[in-house]
Amino acid sequence: MKNNKLNKNLGDEPVKLEFKDVIAMIIAAFEVLFPIALVFAGIMGLAFFILLKFWIKG
């Protein structure tokens, strides 16, 4: 209940996102998603290599 009194003034002014804020959020999302995409691409590349090397003998 004590936090309600402290947070009452937060609704007075809307939050404005500037260009730097948007760029920072895009970079943060990129830093999180890019390693996941790299791992997925590596796993898919390994799977294709195994398929081509062992199952499709030609």
C-alpha atoms as a PDB file:
ATOM      1  CA  MET A   1       0.000   0.000   0.000  1.00  0.00           C
ATOM      2  CA  LYS A   2       2.873   2.337   0.662  1.00  0.00           C
ATOM      3  CA  ASN A   3       3.999   2.057  -2.987  1.00  0.00           C
ATOM      4  CA  ASN A   4       0.645   3.391  -4.239  1.00  0.00           C
ATOM      5  CA  LYS A   5       1.360   6.766  -2.666  1.00  0.00           C
ATOM      6  CA  LEU A   6       4.827   6.875  -4.213  1.00  0.00           C
ATOM      7  CA  ASN A   7       3.639   5.807  -7.680  1.00  0.00           C
ATOM      8  CA  LYS A   8       0.692   8.189  -7.830  1.00  0.00           C
ATOM      9  CA  ASN A   9       2.692  10.804  -9.728  1.00  0.00           C
ATOM     10  CA  LEU A  10       3.805   8.395 -12.481  1.00  0.00           C
ATOM     11  CA  GLY A  11       0.543   8.822 -14.408  1.00  0.00           C
ATOM     12  CA  ASP A  12       0.898  12.575 -14.671  1.00  0.00           C
ATOM     13  CA  GLU A  13       3.237  12.617 -17.667  1.00  0.00           C
ATOM     14  CA  PRO A  14       3.265  10.115 -20.548  1.00  0.00           C
ATOM     15  CA  VAL A  15       6.538   8.382 -21.294  1.00  0.00           C
ATOM     16  CA  LYS A  16       8.111   9.636 -24.509  1.00  0.00           C
ATOM     17  CA  LEU A  17      10.452   7.334 -26.386  1.00  0.00           C
ATOM     18  CA  GLU A  18      13.249   9.086 -28.179  1.00  0.00           C
ATOM     19  CA  PHE A  19      15.238   7.789 -31.133  1.00  0.00           C
ATOM     20  CA  LYS A  20      18.093   6.659 -28.881  1.00  0.00           C
ATOM     21  CA  ASP A  21      15.676   4.680 -26.709  1.00  0.00           C
ATOM     22  CA  VAL A  22      14.284   2.824 -29.703  1.00  0.00           C
ATOM     23  CA  ILE A  23      17.786   2.070 -31.003  1.00  0.00           C
ATOM     24  CA  ALA A  24      18.816   0.806 -27.558  1.00  0.00           C
ATOM     25  CA  MET A  25      15.824  -1.548 -27.425  1.00  0.00           C
ATOM     26  CA  ILE A  26      16.559  -2.851 -30.932  1.00  0.00           C
ATOM     27  CA  ILE A  27      20.194  -3.501 -30.008  1.00  0.00           C
ATOM     28  CA  ALA A  28      19.152  -5.258 -26.791  1.00  0.00           C
ATOM     29  CA  ALA A  29      16.724  -7.509 -28.665  1.00  0.00           C
ATOM     30  CA  PHE A  30      19.408  -8.226 -31.270  1.00  0.00           C
ATOM     31  CA  GLU A  31      21.885  -9.215 -28.539  1.00  0.00           C
ATOM     32  CA  VAL A  32      19.371 -11.688 -27.126  1.00  0.00           C
ATOM     33  CA  LEU A  33      18.058 -13.189 -30.380  1.00  0.00           C
ATOM     34  CA  PHE A  34      21.236 -13.325 -32.500  1.00  0.00           C
ATOM     35  CA  PRO A  35      23.025 -16.035 -30.461  1.00  0.00           C
ATOM     36  CA  ILE A  36      19.852 -18.137 -30.494  1.00  0.00           C
ATOM     37  CA  ALA A  37      19.652 -17.778 -34.286  1.00  0.00           C
ATOM     38  CA  LEU A  38      23.329 -18.738 -34.617  1.00  0.00           C
ATOM     39  CA  VAL A  39      22.857 -21.879 -32.530  1.00  0.00           C
ATOM     40  CA  PHE A  40      19.789 -22.831 -34.566  1.00  0.00           C
ATOM     41  CA  ALA A  41      21.680 -22.271 -37.843  1.00  0.00           C
ATOM     42  CA  GLY A  42      24.572 -24.378 -36.532  1.00  0.00           C
ATOM     43  CA  ILE A  43      22.279 -27.238 -35.574  1.00  0.00           C
ATOM     44  CA  MET A  44      20.525 -27.103 -38.942  1.00  0.00           C
ATOM     45  CA  GLY A  45      23.881 -27.007 -40.759  1.00  0.00           C
ATOM     46  CA  LEU A  46      25.085 -30.034 -38.789  1.00  0.00           C
ATOM     47  CA  ALA A  47      21.853 -31.893 -39.543  1.00  0.00           C
ATOM     48  CA  PHE A  48      22.175 -31.158 -43.277  1.00  0.00           C
ATOM     49  CA  PHE A  49      25.807 -32.239 -43.220  1.00  0.00           C
ATOM     50  CA  ILE A  50      24.912 -35.552 -41.544  1.00  0.00           C
ATOM     51  CA  LEU A  51      22.045 -36.120 -43.975  1.00  0.00           C
ATOM     52  CA  LEU A  52      24.229 -35.438 -47.002  1.00  0.00           C
ATOM     53  CA  LYS A  53      27.244 -37.361 -45.720  1.00  0.00           C
ATOM     54  CA  PHE A  54      25.647 -40.542 -44.423  1.00  0.00           C
ATOM     55  CA  TRP A  55      22.114 -40.989 -45.756  1.00  0.00           C
ATOM     56  CA  ILE A  56      22.497 -39.621 -49.253  1.00  0.00           C
ATOM     57  CA  LYS A  57      25.531 -41.495 -50.524  1.00  0.00           C
ATOM     58  CA  GLY A  58      26.222 -40.336 -53.983  1.00  0.00           C
END
